[in-house]
Amino acid sequence: MLKIRGKRLGALIAATAAVTVSCGQQAPQAQQPPAVVTVTQPAPQESAESQESSSEQEAGETKASHPEEIPTQKPCKASELRARFYPANMVQLNDDPNQPSDGSRVKLRLANVGAKACTIEGDPRLEFIDLNGVVRPATTQVVAGAAPFSAMSIGTREGVSQDIWWKYPAGNCVDDPPKINIYPDGSNEPITVEWTFGPVCGDLQLQTTHLHSD
């Protein structure tokens, strides 16, 4: 009996020790997922050059979308003008007290025959073509008391004019030049028309008024 009890007591002690060891060990803990950190970066600032470029681009787009705001009127070209001379008796210049007694006088009219308005910015330059085809430049002098020149805008079929005097035969003359070249101010291309008013003398020195509205 003592042996049996001793065996049972030993088994009980062994079982108790096993439970104690089992209770002393902790179950492994589940690993936590790593924390997620969100970093918000500020939007990059535009440089001064980028802003200026954007402004210029917007300005360009604005101009392109409003073409009517862009000035288009330009100086009159020779191809946009028609020149014509009127004799003194046709335009009543003979009754003008300023008519020189030793010369002749005509009226030159330049009319806009282009599709758009253009600007007259100065008096024309004149040169005669003699019977041999030689170009003979004329010099001009504005007569005393003439109204001052002012730039003018002329629309289609509108015109400007000036009076021109030259001396009767005396001194150096160009005998009956058949043609005359008229260069609008700033143009290198002439308007060439017939000259039917006889010889031009006095070393081709002409007296004129300034161009004015007509």
Protein backbone atom coordinates (compact mmCIF):
# COMPACT_ATOMS: atom_id res chain seq x y z
CA MET A 1 0.00 0.00 0.00
CA LEU A 2 2.79 2.41 0.83
CA LYS A 3 4.46 1.68 -2.46
CA ILE A 4 1.29 2.32 -4.43
CA ARG A 5 0.67 5.59 -2.62
CA GLY A 6 4.25 6.59 -3.18
CA LYS A 7 3.94 6.01 -6.91
CA ARG A 8 0.70 7.97 -7.08
CA LEU A 9 2.27 10.82 -5.12
CA GLY A 10 5.27 10.90 -7.48
CA ALA A 11 3.01 10.96 -10.51
CA LEU A 12 1.01 13.80 -9.03
CA ILE A 13 4.17 15.79 -8.30
CA ALA A 14 5.39 15.21 -11.85
CA ALA A 15 2.07 16.31 -13.34
CA THR A 16 2.06 19.42 -11.18
CA ALA A 17 5.58 20.32 -12.30
CA ALA A 18 4.60 19.88 -15.95
CA VAL A 19 1.65 22.23 -15.54
CA THR A 20 3.86 24.79 -13.78
CA VAL A 21 6.41 24.72 -16.58
CA SER A 22 3.63 24.97 -19.13
CA CYS A 23 2.10 27.98 -17.39
CA GLY A 24 5.48 29.75 -17.15
CA GLN A 25 5.91 29.80 -20.92
CA GLN A 26 4.09 32.62 -22.71
CA ALA A 27 2.52 32.13 -26.10
CA PRO A 28 4.35 34.00 -28.87
CA GLN A 29 2.71 37.39 -29.67
CA ALA A 30 1.49 38.12 -33.20
CA GLN A 31 3.73 40.64 -35.04
CA GLN A 32 2.17 44.08 -35.62
CA PRO A 33 2.28 45.44 -39.24
CA PRO A 34 4.72 48.36 -39.75
CA ALA A 35 3.20 51.80 -39.38
CA VAL A 36 2.53 53.65 -42.65
CA VAL A 37 3.69 57.29 -42.68
CA THR A 38 2.29 59.59 -45.41
CA VAL A 39 4.48 62.58 -46.30
CA THR A 40 2.80 65.43 -48.20
CA GLN A 41 5.23 67.57 -50.20
CA PRO A 42 4.29 71.18 -51.15
CA ALA A 43 3.68 71.87 -54.83
CA PRO A 44 6.79 73.26 -56.57
CA GLN A 45 6.74 77.04 -56.91
CA GLU A 46 7.02 78.49 -60.43
CA SER A 47 10.09 80.54 -61.06
CA ALA A 48 9.82 84.18 -62.05
CA GLU A 49 10.93 83.24 -65.60
CA SER A 50 8.22 80.57 -65.87
CA GLN A 51 5.56 83.02 -64.68
CA GLU A 52 6.77 85.66 -67.13
CA SER A 53 6.74 83.13 -69.98
CA SER A 54 3.20 82.09 -69.06
CA SER A 55 2.10 85.73 -68.99
CA GLU A 56 3.63 86.37 -72.41
CA GLN A 57 1.93 83.27 -73.81
CA GLU A 58 -1.43 84.37 -72.43
CA ALA A 59 -0.90 87.84 -73.87
CA GLY A 60 -0.09 86.34 -77.25
CA GLU A 61 -3.22 84.21 -77.15
CA THR A 62 -5.27 87.27 -76.27
CA LYS A 63 -3.89 89.24 -79.21
CA ALA A 64 -4.46 86.36 -81.56
CA SER A 65 -8.06 86.03 -80.42
CA HIS A 66 -8.69 89.76 -80.94
CA PRO A 67 -7.07 90.61 -84.31
CA GLU A 68 -9.21 93.71 -84.64
CA GLU A 69 -7.18 95.32 -81.85
CA ILE A 70 -3.94 95.11 -83.86
CA PRO A 71 -3.30 98.19 -86.03
CA THR A 72 -3.17 97.27 -89.73
CA GLN A 73 -2.99 100.67 -91.48
CA LYS A 74 0.33 101.26 -93.26
CA PRO A 75 1.93 103.95 -95.42
CA CYS A 76 0.50 104.15 -98.93
CA LYS A 77 2.47 102.22 -101.55
CA ALA A 78 2.83 103.20 -105.18
CA SER A 79 0.73 100.20 -106.19
CA GLU A 80 -2.13 101.48 -104.03
CA LEU A 81 -2.20 104.99 -105.50
CA ARG A 82 -3.24 106.51 -108.81
CA ALA A 83 -1.67 109.81 -109.90
CA ARG A 84 -3.26 112.35 -112.19
CA PHE A 85 -2.38 115.92 -113.22
CA TYR A 86 -4.99 118.63 -113.73
CA PRO A 87 -4.09 121.75 -115.76
CA ALA A 88 -4.44 125.16 -114.14
CA ASN A 89 -7.40 126.21 -116.29
CA MET A 90 -9.34 123.08 -115.34
CA VAL A 91 -9.11 123.67 -111.61
CA GLN A 92 -9.25 127.49 -111.70
CA LEU A 93 -5.65 127.94 -110.60
CA ASN A 94 -5.13 130.74 -113.11
CA ASP A 95 -7.20 133.06 -110.93
CA ASP A 96 -4.98 132.45 -107.90
CA PRO A 97 -3.01 135.63 -107.04
CA ASN A 98 -0.07 133.37 -106.12
CA GLN A 99 0.19 132.16 -109.71
CA PRO A 100 3.71 133.09 -110.92
CA SER A 101 3.83 135.31 -113.98
CA ASP A 102 6.84 133.53 -115.48
CA GLY A 103 5.73 129.94 -115.13
CA SER A 104 3.02 127.33 -115.32
CA ARG A 105 1.09 125.49 -112.68
CA VAL A 106 -0.67 122.14 -112.40
CA LYS A 107 -2.44 120.20 -109.70
CA LEU A 108 -1.23 116.71 -108.80
CA ARG A 109 -3.79 114.41 -107.19
CA LEU A 110 -3.00 111.04 -105.59
CA ALA A 111 -6.01 108.79 -105.06
CA ASN A 112 -6.19 105.60 -103.01
CA VAL A 113 -7.24 102.74 -105.30
CA GLY A 114 -6.32 100.01 -102.82
CA ALA A 115 -8.70 97.85 -100.80
CA LYS A 116 -7.83 99.45 -97.45
CA ALA A 117 -7.10 102.84 -95.98
CA CYS A 118 -3.45 103.88 -95.93
CA THR A 119 -1.42 106.80 -94.61
CA ILE A 120 0.29 109.62 -96.50
CA GLU A 121 3.32 110.57 -94.42
CA GLY A 122 5.06 113.15 -96.60
CA ASP A 123 5.29 114.93 -99.95
CA PRO A 124 6.25 112.88 -103.01
CA ARG A 125 9.59 112.92 -104.81
CA LEU A 126 9.51 113.77 -108.53
CA GLU A 127 11.76 112.99 -111.49
CA PHE A 128 11.27 113.59 -115.21
CA ILE A 129 12.14 111.20 -118.03
CA ASP A 130 13.45 113.01 -121.11
CA LEU A 131 13.03 112.08 -124.77
CA ASN A 132 16.12 109.86 -124.59
CA GLY A 133 14.82 107.94 -121.60
CA VAL A 134 17.25 109.61 -119.20
CA VAL A 135 15.94 110.16 -115.69
CA ARG A 136 16.21 113.79 -114.56
CA PRO A 137 15.51 114.30 -110.83
CA ALA A 138 13.63 117.47 -109.90
CA THR A 139 14.13 119.54 -106.79
CA THR A 140 11.16 120.98 -104.94
CA GLN A 141 10.72 124.00 -102.72
CA VAL A 142 7.58 124.66 -100.72
CA VAL A 143 6.10 128.06 -101.55
CA ALA A 144 5.95 130.70 -98.83
CA GLY A 145 2.72 130.72 -96.88
CA ALA A 146 1.81 127.11 -97.69
CA ALA A 147 -0.10 125.27 -94.99
CA PRO A 148 2.14 122.93 -92.95
CA PHE A 149 2.15 119.24 -93.72
CA SER A 150 0.30 116.77 -91.52
CA ALA A 151 0.12 112.99 -91.96
CA MET A 152 -3.21 111.92 -93.43
CA SER A 153 -5.20 108.71 -93.57
CA ILE A 154 -7.03 108.23 -96.85
CA GLY A 155 -9.66 105.61 -97.47
CA THR A 156 -10.44 103.86 -100.73
CA ARG A 157 -11.27 106.39 -103.50
CA GLU A 158 -10.18 109.28 -101.30
CA GLY A 159 -7.25 111.47 -102.30
CA VAL A 160 -4.72 114.17 -101.55
CA SER A 161 -3.32 116.85 -103.83
CA GLN A 162 -0.63 119.50 -104.19
CA ASP A 163 -0.01 122.40 -106.60
CA ILE A 164 3.19 122.46 -108.65
CA TRP A 165 4.79 125.49 -110.38
CA TRP A 166 7.63 125.52 -112.88
CA LYS A 167 9.20 128.28 -114.96
CA TYR A 168 8.69 129.00 -118.62
CA PRO A 169 11.57 128.23 -121.01
CA ALA A 170 14.69 129.81 -119.55
CA GLY A 171 18.02 128.35 -118.53
CA ASN A 172 18.46 124.60 -118.31
CA CYS A 173 15.35 122.85 -119.61
CA VAL A 174 14.01 119.39 -120.24
CA ASP A 175 12.22 119.68 -123.57
CA ASP A 176 8.81 118.08 -123.58
CA PRO A 177 9.54 115.20 -121.21
CA PRO A 178 7.07 112.45 -122.08
CA LYS A 179 6.83 110.97 -118.60
CA ILE A 180 7.28 111.78 -114.95
CA ASN A 181 7.97 109.46 -111.99
CA ILE A 182 6.18 110.17 -108.73
CA TYR A 183 7.53 108.46 -105.61
CA PRO A 184 5.16 108.43 -102.60
CA ASP A 185 6.99 109.31 -99.40
CA GLY A 186 9.02 106.33 -98.17
CA SER A 187 8.49 104.32 -101.38
CA ASN A 188 11.22 103.14 -103.75
CA GLU A 189 8.69 102.32 -106.45
CA PRO A 190 7.38 105.14 -108.64
CA ILE A 191 4.02 105.90 -110.13
CA THR A 192 4.83 106.68 -113.76
CA VAL A 193 2.40 108.88 -115.71
CA GLU A 194 2.47 110.86 -118.92
CA TRP A 195 3.60 114.50 -118.87
CA THR A 196 1.70 116.66 -121.35
CA PHE A 197 2.56 120.18 -120.15
CA GLY A 198 5.55 121.02 -122.32
CA PRO A 199 9.16 121.79 -121.37
CA VAL A 200 10.26 122.20 -117.76
CA CYS A 201 13.03 124.73 -117.25
CA GLY A 202 14.85 126.49 -114.43
CA ASP A 203 17.12 123.50 -113.74
CA LEU A 204 14.06 121.42 -112.85
CA GLN A 205 13.46 123.41 -109.71
CA LEU A 206 9.78 123.16 -108.84
CA GLN A 207 7.74 125.07 -106.32
CA THR A 208 4.96 123.20 -104.57
CA THR A 209 2.46 123.26 -101.79
CA HIS A 210 2.37 120.43 -99.27
CA LEU A 211 -0.02 117.58 -99.93
CA HIS A 212 -3.45 118.27 -98.45
CA SER A 213 -6.81 116.52 -98.34
CA ASP A 214 -8.77 116.71 -101.56
